[in-house]
Amino acid sequence: MDFVPAQKIICEKYGAYFLPCDLNLKIGISKGFSPDTYPINGLRHFPEKGTAGWYIWSGDAFSEDPDFFQPIHALHLIDRDPRILKYLGLAAGWRFLFAPDYEDVWQDKNLLDS
């Protein structure tokens, strides 16, 4: 499956730089992630040390607890929630949030400082 065209469309739509996400790299996904709990959230730091820089969670709750996220290969999103894949081309410093009939994508320069 080639998700790159959909990722480029999202980047173009929101004026974001396209940074490919190697689906063999790891992302962080919240332990309680559910594709049925909204909103679905994602943010991207700089890729480093075998990670794509992505952190994904569902619902309003976000935690700084070091155990909040678990590492998985981005490829597993195909089974967990393939709707997320179209956002993974957003560069470091970008966030997304979606729910039924709602989508928001924005740049958060604070992510570039961490």
PDB file of N, CA and C in Angstrom:
ATOM      1  N   MET A   1       0.838  -1.184   0.000  1.00  0.00           N
ATOM      2  CA  MET A   1       0.000   0.000   0.000  1.00  0.00           C
ATOM      3  C   MET A   1       0.882   1.246   0.000  1.00  0.00           C
ATOM      4  N   ASP A   2       0.512   2.195  -0.824  1.00  0.00           N
ATOM      5  CA  ASP A   2       1.286   3.428  -0.922  1.00  0.00           C
ATOM      6  C   ASP A   2       0.474   4.579  -0.339  1.00  0.00           C
ATOM      7  N   PHE A   3       0.891   5.053   0.812  1.00  0.00           N
ATOM      8  CA  PHE A   3       0.180   6.133   1.504  1.00  0.00           C
ATOM      9  C   PHE A   3       0.769   7.506   1.199  1.00  0.00           C
ATOM     10  N   VAL A   4       1.879   7.537   0.466  1.00  0.00           N
ATOM     11  CA  VAL A   4       2.573   8.790   0.204  1.00  0.00           C
ATOM     12  C   VAL A   4       1.693   9.814  -0.522  1.00  0.00           C
ATOM     13  N   PRO A   5       0.935   9.446  -1.557  1.00  0.00           N
ATOM     14  CA  PRO A   5       0.093  10.464  -2.208  1.00  0.00           C
ATOM     15  C   PRO A   5      -0.886  11.143  -1.246  1.00  0.00           C
ATOM     16  N   ALA A   6      -1.514  10.374  -0.368  1.00  0.00           N
ATOM     17  CA  ALA A   6      -2.452  10.950   0.607  1.00  0.00           C
ATOM     18  C   ALA A   6      -1.715  11.849   1.601  1.00  0.00           C
ATOM     19  N   GLN A   7      -0.494  11.460   1.967  1.00  0.00           N
ATOM     20  CA  GLN A   7       0.301  12.271   2.891  1.00  0.00           C
ATOM     21  C   GLN A   7       0.682  13.602   2.248  1.00  0.00           C
ATOM     22  N   LYS A   8       1.040  13.561   0.977  1.00  0.00           N
ATOM     23  CA  LYS A   8       1.397  14.796   0.280  1.00  0.00           C
ATOM     24  C   LYS A   8       0.187  15.722   0.144  1.00  0.00           C
ATOM     25  N   ILE A   9      -0.992  15.167  -0.046  1.00  0.00           N
ATOM     26  CA  ILE A   9      -2.216  15.974  -0.127  1.00  0.00           C
ATOM     27  C   ILE A   9      -2.454  16.706   1.192  1.00  0.00           C
ATOM     28  N   ILE A  10      -2.289  16.002   2.315  1.00  0.00           N
ATOM     29  CA  ILE A  10      -2.463  16.645   3.629  1.00  0.00           C
ATOM     30  C   ILE A  10      -1.451  17.768   3.804  1.00  0.00           C
ATOM     31  N   CYS A  11      -0.207  17.520   3.458  1.00  0.00           N
ATOM     32  CA  CYS A  11       0.835  18.552   3.605  1.00  0.00           C
ATOM     33  C   CYS A  11       0.518  19.765   2.740  1.00  0.00           C
ATOM     34  N   GLU A  12       0.114  19.527   1.527  1.00  0.00           N
ATOM     35  CA  GLU A  12      -0.223  20.636   0.631  1.00  0.00           C
ATOM     36  C   GLU A  12      -1.430  21.414   1.155  1.00  0.00           C
ATOM     37  N   LYS A  13      -2.426  20.700   1.629  1.00  0.00           N
ATOM     38  CA  LYS A  13      -3.647  21.334   2.134  1.00  0.00           C
ATOM     39  C   LYS A  13      -3.347  22.300   3.285  1.00  0.00           C
ATOM     40  N   TYR A  14      -2.404  21.925   4.157  1.00  0.00           N
ATOM     41  CA  TYR A  14      -2.124  22.735   5.344  1.00  0.00           C
ATOM     42  C   TYR A  14      -0.818  23.523   5.254  1.00  0.00           C
ATOM     43  N   GLY A  15      -0.154  23.469   4.121  1.00  0.00           N
ATOM     44  CA  GLY A  15       1.078  24.238   3.945  1.00  0.00           C
ATOM     45  C   GLY A  15       2.242  23.698   4.745  1.00  0.00           C
ATOM     46  N   ALA A  16       2.255  22.401   4.956  1.00  0.00           N
ATOM     47  CA  ALA A  16       3.303  21.763   5.752  1.00  0.00           C
ATOM     48  C   ALA A  16       4.374  21.180   4.844  1.00  0.00           C
ATOM     49  N   TYR A  17       5.590  21.147   5.356  1.00  0.00           N
ATOM     50  CA  TYR A  17       6.688  20.484   4.668  1.00  0.00           C
ATOM     51  C   TYR A  17       6.443  18.980   4.733  1.00  0.00           C
ATOM     52  N   PHE A  18       6.665  18.272   3.638  1.00  0.00           N
ATOM     53  CA  PHE A  18       6.501  16.827   3.592  1.00  0.00           C
ATOM     54  C   PHE A  18       7.788  16.147   4.044  1.00  0.00           C
ATOM     55  N   LEU A  19       7.694  15.337   5.067  1.00  0.00           N
ATOM     56  CA  LEU A  19       8.811  14.547   5.566  1.00  0.00           C
ATOM     57  C   LEU A  19       8.350  13.099   5.629  1.00  0.00           C
ATOM     58  N   PRO A  20       8.794  12.273   4.680  1.00  0.00           N
ATOM     59  CA  PRO A  20       8.325  10.888   4.646  1.00  0.00           C
ATOM     60  C   PRO A  20       8.530  10.183   5.977  1.00  0.00           C
ATOM     61  N   CYS A  21       7.614   9.295   6.273  1.00  0.00           N
ATOM     62  CA  CYS A  21       7.700   8.477   7.481  1.00  0.00           C
ATOM     63  C   CYS A  21       7.945   7.036   7.054  1.00  0.00           C
ATOM     64  N   ASP A  22       9.096   6.527   7.382  1.00  0.00           N
ATOM     65  CA  ASP A  22       9.415   5.132   7.109  1.00  0.00           C
ATOM     66  C   ASP A  22       8.553   4.275   8.035  1.00  0.00           C
ATOM     67  N   LEU A  23       7.666   3.474   7.459  1.00  0.00           N
ATOM     68  CA  LEU A  23       6.744   2.676   8.265  1.00  0.00           C
ATOM     69  C   LEU A  23       7.440   1.570   9.049  1.00  0.00           C
ATOM     70  N   ASN A  24       8.728   1.347   8.783  1.00  0.00           N
ATOM     71  CA  ASN A  24       9.491   0.373   9.557  1.00  0.00           C
ATOM     72  C   ASN A  24      10.081   0.971  10.824  1.00  0.00           C
ATOM     73  N   LEU A  25       9.981   2.295  10.964  1.00  0.00           N
ATOM     74  CA  LEU A  25      10.469   2.952  12.178  1.00  0.00           C
ATOM     75  C   LEU A  25       9.398   2.897  13.253  1.00  0.00           C
ATOM     76  N   LYS A  26       9.815   3.111  14.478  1.00  0.00           N
ATOM     77  CA  LYS A  26       8.882   3.063  15.607  1.00  0.00           C
ATOM     78  C   LYS A  26       8.231   4.420  15.848  1.00  0.00           C
ATOM     79  N   ILE A  27       7.012   4.349  16.347  1.00  0.00           N
ATOM     80  CA  ILE A  27       6.275   5.509  16.827  1.00  0.00           C
ATOM     81  C   ILE A  27       5.858   5.201  18.261  1.00  0.00           C
ATOM     82  N   GLY A  28       5.387   6.212  18.968  1.00  0.00           N
ATOM     83  CA  GLY A  28       4.815   5.991  20.287  1.00  0.00           C
ATOM     84  C   GLY A  28       3.304   6.057  20.166  1.00  0.00           C
ATOM     85  N   ILE A  29       2.617   5.069  20.711  1.00  0.00           N
ATOM     86  CA  ILE A  29       1.161   5.076  20.723  1.00  0.00           C
ATOM     87  C   ILE A  29       0.711   4.839  22.155  1.00  0.00           C
ATOM     88  N   SER A  30      -0.306   5.552  22.581  1.00  0.00           N
ATOM     89  CA  SER A  30      -0.733   5.425  23.971  1.00  0.00           C
ATOM     90  C   SER A  30      -1.211   4.003  24.241  1.00  0.00           C
ATOM     91  N   LYS A  31      -0.938   3.534  25.445  1.00  0.00           N
ATOM     92  CA  LYS A  31      -1.320   2.169  25.815  1.00  0.00           C
ATOM     93  C   LYS A  31      -2.821   1.968  25.726  1.00  0.00           C
ATOM     94  N   GLY A  32      -3.586   2.994  26.018  1.00  0.00           N
ATOM     95  CA  GLY A  32      -5.043   2.884  25.979  1.00  0.00           C
ATOM     96  C   GLY A  32      -5.649   3.302  24.652  1.00  0.00           C
ATOM     97  N   PHE A  33      -4.836   3.372  23.578  1.00  0.00           N
ATOM     98  CA  PHE A  33      -5.347   3.846  22.302  1.00  0.00           C
ATOM     99  C   PHE A  33      -6.525   3.007  21.827  1.00  0.00           C
ATOM    100  N   SER A  34      -7.563   3.718  21.368  1.00  0.00           N
ATOM    101  CA  SER A  34      -8.720   3.068  20.760  1.00  0.00           C
ATOM    102  C   SER A  34      -9.153   3.900  19.561  1.00  0.00           C
ATOM    103  N   PRO A  35      -9.338   3.281  18.395  1.00  0.00           N
ATOM    104  CA  PRO A  35      -9.778   4.032  17.224  1.00  0.00           C
ATOM    105  C   PRO A  35     -11.214   4.550  17.364  1.00  0.00           C
ATOM    106  N   ASP A  36     -11.911   4.110  18.394  1.00  0.00           N
ATOM    107  CA  ASP A  36     -13.287   4.551  18.636  1.00  0.00           C
ATOM    108  C   ASP A  36     -13.394   5.642  19.687  1.00  0.00           C
ATOM    109  N   THR A  37     -12.252   6.057  20.250  1.00  0.00           N
ATOM    110  CA  THR A  37     -12.241   7.124  21.252  1.00  0.00           C
ATOM    111  C   THR A  37     -11.685   8.381  20.598  1.00  0.00           C
ATOM    112  N   TYR A  38     -12.487   9.412  20.575  1.00  0.00           N
ATOM    113  CA  TYR A  38     -12.110  10.660  19.898  1.00  0.00           C
ATOM    114  C   TYR A  38     -11.824  11.757  20.895  1.00  0.00           C
ATOM    115  N   PRO A  39     -11.014  12.711  20.452  1.00  0.00           N
ATOM    116  CA  PRO A  39     -10.350  12.809  19.160  1.00  0.00           C
ATOM    117  C   PRO A  39      -9.125  11.911  19.094  1.00  0.00           C
ATOM    118  N   ILE A  40      -8.692  11.621  17.868  1.00  0.00           N
ATOM    119  CA  ILE A  40      -7.418  10.946  17.627  1.00  0.00           C
ATOM    120  C   ILE A  40      -6.390  12.059  17.448  1.00  0.00           C
ATOM    121  N   ASN A  41      -5.312  11.988  18.204  1.00  0.00           N
ATOM    122  CA  ASN A  41      -4.292  13.045  18.242  1.00  0.00           C
ATOM    123  C   ASN A  41      -2.939  12.512  17.806  1.00  0.00           C
ATOM    124  N   GLY A  42      -2.159  13.379  17.188  1.00  0.00           N
ATOM    125  CA  GLY A  42      -0.792  13.022  16.858  1.00  0.00           C
ATOM    126  C   GLY A  42       0.093  14.246  16.839  1.00  0.00           C
ATOM    127  N   LEU A  43       1.340  14.052  17.231  1.00  0.00           N
ATOM    128  CA  LEU A  43       2.331  15.121  17.157  1.00  0.00           C
ATOM    129  C   LEU A  43       3.659  14.509  16.757  1.00  0.00           C
ATOM    130  N   ARG A  44       4.463  15.329  16.068  1.00  0.00           N
ATOM    131  CA  ARG A  44       5.743  14.802  15.584  1.00  0.00           C
ATOM    132  C   ARG A  44       6.916  15.637  16.059  1.00  0.00           C
ATOM    133  N   HIS A  45       7.849  14.944  16.704  1.00  0.00           N
ATOM    134  CA  HIS A  45       9.153  15.500  17.038  1.00  0.00           C
ATOM    135  C   HIS A  45      10.107  15.117  15.909  1.00  0.00           C
ATOM    136  N   PHE A  46      11.341  15.540  15.992  1.00  0.00           N
ATOM    137  CA  PHE A  46      12.335  15.142  15.000  1.00  0.00           C
ATOM    138  C   PHE A  46      12.549  13.628  15.081  1.00  0.00           C
ATOM    139  N   PRO A  47      12.616  12.951  13.945  1.00  0.00           N
ATOM    140  CA  PRO A  47      12.958  11.527  13.960  1.00  0.00           C
ATOM    141  C   PRO A  47      14.371  11.339  14.500  1.00  0.00           C
ATOM    142  N   GLU A  48      14.548  10.309  15.334  1.00  0.00           N
ATOM    143  CA  GLU A  48      15.877  10.011  15.865  1.00  0.00           C
ATOM    144  C   GLU A  48      15.934   8.592  16.412  1.00  0.00           C
ATOM    145  N   LYS A  49      17.108   8.017  16.407  1.00  0.00           N
ATOM    146  CA  LYS A  49      17.381   6.715  17.024  1.00  0.00           C
ATOM    147  C   LYS A  49      16.356   5.642  16.651  1.00  0.00           C
ATOM    148  N   GLY A  50      16.065   5.495  15.371  1.00  0.00           N
ATOM    149  CA  GLY A  50      15.156   4.444  14.928  1.00  0.00           C
ATOM    150  C   GLY A  50      13.686   4.737  15.131  1.00  0.00           C
ATOM    151  N   THR A  51      13.368   5.995  15.456  1.00  0.00           N
ATOM    152  CA  THR A  51      11.965   6.369  15.609  1.00  0.00           C
ATOM    153  C   THR A  51      11.587   7.361  14.519  1.00  0.00           C
ATOM    154  N   ALA A  52      10.302   7.422  14.234  1.00  0.00           N
ATOM    155  CA  ALA A  52       9.790   8.365  13.239  1.00  0.00           C
ATOM    156  C   ALA A  52       9.459   9.715  13.859  1.00  0.00           C
ATOM    157  N   GLY A  53       9.482   9.790  15.186  1.00  0.00           N
ATOM    158  CA  GLY A  53       9.185  11.037  15.877  1.00  0.00           C
ATOM    159  C   GLY A  53       7.711  11.222  16.223  1.00  0.00           C
ATOM    160  N   TRP A  54       6.865  10.282  15.803  1.00  0.00           N
ATOM    161  CA  TRP A  54       5.420  10.416  16.022  1.00  0.00           C
ATOM    162  C   TRP A  54       4.979   9.869  17.367  1.00  0.00           C
ATOM    163  N   TYR A  55       4.004  10.588  17.982  1.00  0.00           N
ATOM    164  CA  TYR A  55       3.323  10.145  19.197  1.00  0.00           C
ATOM    165  C   TYR A  55       1.830  10.279  18.931  1.00  0.00           C
ATOM    166  N   ILE A  56       1.097   9.195  19.138  1.00  0.00           N
ATOM    167  CA  ILE A  56      -0.324   9.118  18.808  1.00  0.00           C
ATOM    168  C   ILE A  56      -1.107   8.707  20.058  1.00  0.00           C
ATOM    169  N   TRP A  57      -2.259   9.349  20.283  1.00  0.00           N
ATOM    170  CA  TRP A  57      -3.142   8.946  21.383  1.00  0.00           C
ATOM    171  C   TRP A  57      -4.575   9.255  21.013  1.00  0.00           C
ATOM    172  N   SER A  58      -5.483   8.636  21.748  1.00  0.00           N
ATOM    173  CA  SER A  58      -6.905   8.872  21.508  1.00  0.00           C
ATOM    174  C   SER A  58      -7.539   9.453  22.768  1.00  0.00           C
ATOM    175  N   GLY A  59      -8.557  10.272  22.546  1.00  0.00           N
ATOM    176  CA  GLY A  59      -9.244  10.909  23.663  1.00  0.00           C
ATOM    177  C   GLY A  59      -8.576  12.206  24.067  1.00  0.00           C
ATOM    178  N   ASP A  60      -9.144  12.816  25.092  1.00  0.00           N
ATOM    179  CA  ASP A  60      -8.643  14.106  25.573  1.00  0.00           C
ATOM    180  C   ASP A  60      -7.458  13.979  26.520  1.00  0.00           C
ATOM    181  N   ALA A  61      -7.291  12.794  27.104  1.00  0.00           N
ATOM    182  CA  ALA A  61      -6.257  12.616  28.123  1.00  0.00           C
ATOM    183  C   ALA A  61      -4.878  12.454  27.488  1.00  0.00           C
ATOM    184  N   PHE A  62      -3.949  13.271  27.934  1.00  0.00           N
ATOM    185  CA  PHE A  62      -2.548  13.163  27.547  1.00  0.00           C
ATOM    186  C   PHE A  62      -1.749  13.147  28.832  1.00  0.00           C
ATOM    187  N   SER A  63      -0.711  12.359  28.861  1.00  0.00           N
ATOM    188  CA  SER A  63       0.081  12.256  30.079  1.00  0.00           C
ATOM    189  C   SER A  63       1.565  12.401  29.759  1.00  0.00           C
ATOM    190  N   GLU A  64       2.282  13.025  30.657  1.00  0.00           N
ATOM    191  CA  GLU A  64       3.736  13.125  30.566  1.00  0.00           C
ATOM    192  C   GLU A  64       4.398  11.892  31.188  1.00  0.00           C
ATOM    193  N   ASP A  65       3.610  10.987  31.734  1.00  0.00           N
ATOM    194  CA  ASP A  65       4.116   9.761  32.335  1.00  0.00           C
ATOM    195  C   ASP A  65       4.949   9.002  31.301  1.00  0.00           C
ATOM    196  N   PRO A  66       6.161   8.601  31.655  1.00  0.00           N
ATOM    197  CA  PRO A  66       7.011   7.914  30.685  1.00  0.00           C
ATOM    198  C   PRO A  66       6.427   6.594  30.180  1.00  0.00           C
ATOM    199  N   ASP A  67       5.453   6.049  30.880  1.00  0.00           N
ATOM    200  CA  ASP A  67       4.819   4.793  30.455  1.00  0.00           C
ATOM    201  C   ASP A  67       3.528   5.016  29.669  1.00  0.00           C
ATOM    202  N   PHE A  68       3.177   6.255  29.376  1.00  0.00           N
ATOM    203  CA  PHE A  68       1.930   6.550  28.653  1.00  0.00           C
ATOM    204  C   PHE A  68       1.974   5.996  27.230  1.00  0.00           C
ATOM    205  N   PHE A  69       3.128   6.078  26.576  1.00  0.00           N
ATOM    206  CA  PHE A  69       3.281   5.606  25.206  1.00  0.00           C
ATOM    207  C   PHE A  69       4.049   4.295  25.175  1.00  0.00           C
ATOM    208  N   GLN A  70       3.669   3.460  24.230  1.00  0.00           N
ATOM    209  CA  GLN A  70       4.424   2.238  23.978  1.00  0.00           C
ATOM    210  C   GLN A  70       4.949   2.290  22.547  1.00  0.00           C
ATOM    211  N   PRO A  71       6.117   1.730  22.303  1.00  0.00           N
ATOM    212  CA  PRO A  71       6.668   1.762  20.941  1.00  0.00           C
ATOM    213  C   PRO A  71       6.055   0.661  20.074  1.00  0.00           C
ATOM    214  N   ILE A  72       5.684   1.037  18.860  1.00  0.00           N
ATOM    215  CA  ILE A  72       5.269   0.068  17.845  1.00  0.00           C
ATOM    216  C   ILE A  72       5.842   0.551  16.512  1.00  0.00           C
ATOM    217  N   HIS A  73       5.961  -0.328  15.564  1.00  0.00           N
ATOM    218  CA  HIS A  73       6.359   0.100  14.231  1.00  0.00           C
ATOM    219  C   HIS A  73       5.177   0.791  13.575  1.00  0.00           C
ATOM    220  N   ALA A  74       5.449   1.866  12.874  1.00  0.00           N
ATOM    221  CA  ALA A  74       4.381   2.638  12.226  1.00  0.00           C
ATOM    222  C   ALA A  74       3.541   1.756  11.309  1.00  0.00           C
ATOM    223  N   LEU A  75       4.122   0.727  10.761  1.00  0.00           N
ATOM    224  CA  LEU A  75       3.424  -0.202   9.885  1.00  0.00           C
ATOM    225  C   LEU A  75       2.188  -0.806  10.555  1.00  0.00           C
ATOM    226  N   HIS A  76       2.232  -0.968  11.876  1.00  0.00           N
ATOM    227  CA  HIS A  76       1.103  -1.565  12.598  1.00  0.00           C
ATOM    228  C   HIS A  76      -0.136  -0.666  12.628  1.00  0.00           C
ATOM    229  N   LEU A  77       0.022   0.592  12.242  1.00  0.00           N
ATOM    230  CA  LEU A  77      -1.154   1.469  12.165  1.00  0.00           C
ATOM    231  C   LEU A  77      -2.125   1.009  11.081  1.00  0.00           C
ATOM    232  N   ILE A  78      -1.628   0.259  10.123  1.00  0.00           N
ATOM    233  CA  ILE A  78      -2.522  -0.276   9.090  1.00  0.00           C
ATOM    234  C   ILE A  78      -3.624  -1.099   9.742  1.00  0.00           C
ATOM    235  N   ASP A  79      -3.274  -1.843  10.785  1.00  0.00           N
ATOM    236  CA  ASP A  79      -4.260  -2.656  11.507  1.00  0.00           C
ATOM    237  C   ASP A  79      -4.920  -1.894  12.649  1.00  0.00           C
ATOM    238  N   ARG A  80      -4.172  -1.026  13.318  1.00  0.00           N
ATOM    239  CA  ARG A  80      -4.711  -0.325  14.493  1.00  0.00           C
ATOM    240  C   ARG A  80      -5.690   0.776  14.112  1.00  0.00           C
ATOM    241  N   ASP A  81      -5.300   1.625  13.155  1.00  0.00           N
ATOM    242  CA  ASP A  81      -6.170   2.702  12.672  1.00  0.00           C
ATOM    243  C   ASP A  81      -5.552   3.304  11.418  1.00  0.00           C
ATOM    244  N   PRO A  82      -5.885   2.770  10.247  1.00  0.00           N
ATOM    245  CA  PRO A  82      -5.251   3.233   9.008  1.00  0.00           C
ATOM    246  C   PRO A  82      -5.567   4.683   8.654  1.00  0.00           C
ATOM    247  N   ARG A  83      -6.577   5.287   9.268  1.00  0.00           N
ATOM    248  CA  ARG A  83      -6.888   6.696   9.006  1.00  0.00           C
ATOM    249  C   ARG A  83      -5.737   7.603   9.382  1.00  0.00           C
ATOM    250  N   ILE A  84      -4.901   7.168  10.308  1.00  0.00           N
ATOM    251  CA  ILE A  84      -3.773   7.977  10.791  1.00  0.00           C
ATOM    252  C   ILE A  84      -2.680   8.102   9.735  1.00  0.00           C
ATOM    253  N   LEU A  85      -2.541   7.108   8.882  1.00  0.00           N
ATOM    254  CA  LEU A  85      -1.414   7.050   7.941  1.00  0.00           C
ATOM    255  C   LEU A  85      -1.311   8.274   7.042  1.00  0.00           C
ATOM    256  N   LYS A  86      -2.425   8.880   6.690  1.00  0.00           N
ATOM    257  CA  LYS A  86      -2.350  10.030   5.783  1.00  0.00           C
ATOM    258  C   LYS A  86      -1.704  11.255   6.433  1.00  0.00           C
ATOM    259  N   TYR A  87      -1.581  11.273   7.742  1.00  0.00           N
ATOM    260  CA  TYR A  87      -0.971  12.404   8.452  1.00  0.00           C
ATOM    261  C   TYR A  87       0.534  12.221   8.678  1.00  0.00           C
ATOM    262  N   LEU A  88       1.045  11.033   8.472  1.00  0.00           N
ATOM    263  CA  LEU A  88       2.425  10.738   8.856  1.00  0.00           C
ATOM    264  C   LEU A  88       3.490  11.399   7.994  1.00  0.00           C
ATOM    265  N   GLY A  89       3.119  12.083   6.925  1.00  0.00           N
ATOM    266  CA  GLY A  89       4.073  12.822   6.116  1.00  0.00           C
ATOM    267  C   GLY A  89       4.330  14.234   6.630  1.00  0.00           C
ATOM    268  N   LEU A  90       3.574  14.655   7.641  1.00  0.00           N
ATOM    269  CA  LEU A  90       3.798  15.976   8.237  1.00  0.00           C
ATOM    270  C   LEU A  90       5.176  16.000   8.903  1.00  0.00           C
ATOM    271  N   ALA A  91       5.881  17.083   8.750  1.00  0.00           N
ATOM    272  CA  ALA A  91       7.236  17.209   9.296  1.00  0.00           C
ATOM    273  C   ALA A  91       7.207  17.403  10.807  1.00  0.00           C
ATOM    274  N   ALA A  92       8.383  17.328  11.407  1.00  0.00           N
ATOM    275  CA  ALA A  92       8.527  17.618  12.835  1.00  0.00           C
ATOM    276  C   ALA A  92       7.961  19.003  13.117  1.00  0.00           C
ATOM    277  N   GLY A  93       7.303  19.131  14.257  1.00  0.00           N
ATOM    278  CA  GLY A  93       6.710  20.408  14.633  1.00  0.00           C
ATOM    279  C   GLY A  93       5.250  20.542  14.210  1.00  0.00           C
ATOM    280  N   TRP A  94       4.667  19.473  13.711  1.00  0.00           N
ATOM    281  CA  TRP A  94       3.268  19.498  13.285  1.00  0.00           C
ATOM    282  C   TRP A  94       2.436  18.549  14.127  1.00  0.00           C
ATOM    283  N   ARG A  95       1.157  18.892  14.235  1.00  0.00           N
ATOM    284  CA  ARG A  95       0.194  18.105  15.001  1.00  0.00           C
ATOM    285  C   ARG A  95      -1.054  17.890  14.165  1.00  0.00           C
ATOM    286  N   PHE A  96      -1.800  16.875  14.522  1.00  0.00           N
ATOM    287  CA  PHE A  96      -3.116  16.670  13.928  1.00  0.00           C
ATOM    288  C   PHE A  96      -4.086  16.199  14.998  1.00  0.00           C
ATOM    289  N   LEU A  97      -5.347  16.398  14.700  1.00  0.00           N
ATOM    290  CA  LEU A  97      -6.435  15.949  15.561  1.00  0.00           C
ATOM    291  C   LEU A  97      -7.616  15.697  14.637  1.00  0.00           C
ATOM    292  N   PHE A  98      -8.267  14.544  14.799  1.00  0.00           N
ATOM    293  CA  PHE A  98      -9.477  14.326  14.013  1.00  0.00           C
ATOM    294  C   PHE A  98     -10.508  13.563  14.814  1.00  0.00           C
ATOM    295  N   ALA A  99     -11.740  13.746  14.404  1.00  0.00           N
ATOM    296  CA  ALA A  99     -12.913  13.075  14.960  1.00  0.00           C
ATOM    297  C   ALA A  99     -13.912  12.977  13.808  1.00  0.00           C
ATOM    298  N   PRO A 100     -15.004  12.288  13.996  1.00  0.00           N
ATOM    299  CA  PRO A 100     -15.986  12.249  12.906  1.00  0.00           C
ATOM    300  C   PRO A 100     -16.379  13.668  12.484  1.00  0.00           C
ATOM    301  N   ASP A 101     -16.311  13.934  11.215  1.00  0.00           N
ATOM    302  CA  ASP A 101     -16.690  15.227  10.638  1.00  0.00           C
ATOM    303  C   ASP A 101     -15.832  16.395  11.125  1.00  0.00           C
ATOM    304  N   TYR A 102     -14.613  16.118  11.599  1.00  0.00           N
ATOM    305  CA  TYR A 102     -13.733  17.194  12.063  1.00  0.00           C
ATOM    306  C   TYR A 102     -12.275  16.804  11.806  1.00  0.00           C
ATOM    307  N   GLU A 103     -11.478  17.780  11.356  1.00  0.00           N
ATOM    308  CA  GLU A 103     -10.044  17.587  11.159  1.00  0.00           C
ATOM    309  C   GLU A 103      -9.347  18.913  11.416  1.00  0.00           C
ATOM    310  N   ASP A 104      -8.237  18.843  12.144  1.00  0.00           N
ATOM    311  CA  ASP A 104      -7.411  20.022  12.351  1.00  0.00           C
ATOM    312  C   ASP A 104      -5.951  19.593  12.259  1.00  0.00           C
ATOM    313  N   VAL A 105      -5.165  20.372  11.559  1.00  0.00           N
ATOM    314  CA  VAL A 105      -3.734  20.145  11.408  1.00  0.00           C
ATOM    315  C   VAL A 105      -3.066  21.497  11.598  1.00  0.00           C
ATOM    316  N   TRP A 106      -2.049  21.552  12.456  1.00  0.00           N
ATOM    317  CA  TRP A 106      -1.401  22.836  12.712  1.00  0.00           C
ATOM    318  C   TRP A 106       0.056  22.638  13.102  1.00  0.00           C
ATOM    319  N   GLN A 107       0.796  23.716  12.917  1.00  0.00           N
ATOM    320  CA  GLN A 107       2.207  23.733  13.293  1.00  0.00           C
ATOM    321  C   GLN A 107       2.319  24.158  14.741  1.00  0.00           C
ATOM    322  N   ASP A 108       3.119  23.419  15.492  1.00  0.00           N
ATOM    323  CA  ASP A 108       3.379  23.720  16.902  1.00  0.00           C
ATOM    324  C   ASP A 108       4.896  23.796  17.057  1.00  0.00           C
ATOM    325  N   LYS A 109       5.441  25.008  16.918  1.00  0.00           N
ATOM    326  CA  LYS A 109       6.896  25.182  16.954  1.00  0.00           C
ATOM    327  C   LYS A 109       7.513  24.783  18.289  1.00  0.00           C
ATOM    328  N   ASN A 110       6.711  24.700  19.347  1.00  0.00           N
ATOM    329  CA  ASN A 110       7.223  24.258  20.638  1.00  0.00           C
ATOM    330  C   ASN A 110       7.756  22.824  20.562  1.00  0.00           C
ATOM    331  N   LEU A 111       7.222  22.029  19.638  1.00  0.00           N
ATOM    332  CA  LEU A 111       7.689  20.656  19.487  1.00  0.00           C
ATOM    333  C   LEU A 111       9.118  20.588  18.973  1.00  0.00           C
ATOM    334  N   LEU A 112       9.571  21.646  18.344  1.00  0.00           N
ATOM    335  CA  LEU A 112      10.916  21.664  17.795  1.00  0.00           C
ATOM    336  C   LEU A 112      11.975  21.937  18.867  1.00  0.00           C
ATOM    337  N   ASP A 113      11.527  22.406  20.023  1.00  0.00           N
ATOM    338  CA  ASP A 113      12.444  22.723  21.111  1.00  0.00           C
ATOM    339  C   ASP A 113      12.751  21.527  21.996  1.00  0.00           C
ATOM    340  N   SER A 114      11.969  20.458  21.828  1.00  0.00           N
ATOM    341  CA  SER A 114      12.162  19.313  22.751  1.00  0.00           C
ATOM    342  C   SER A 114      12.799  18.136  22.078  1.00  0.00           C
TER     343      SER A 114
END
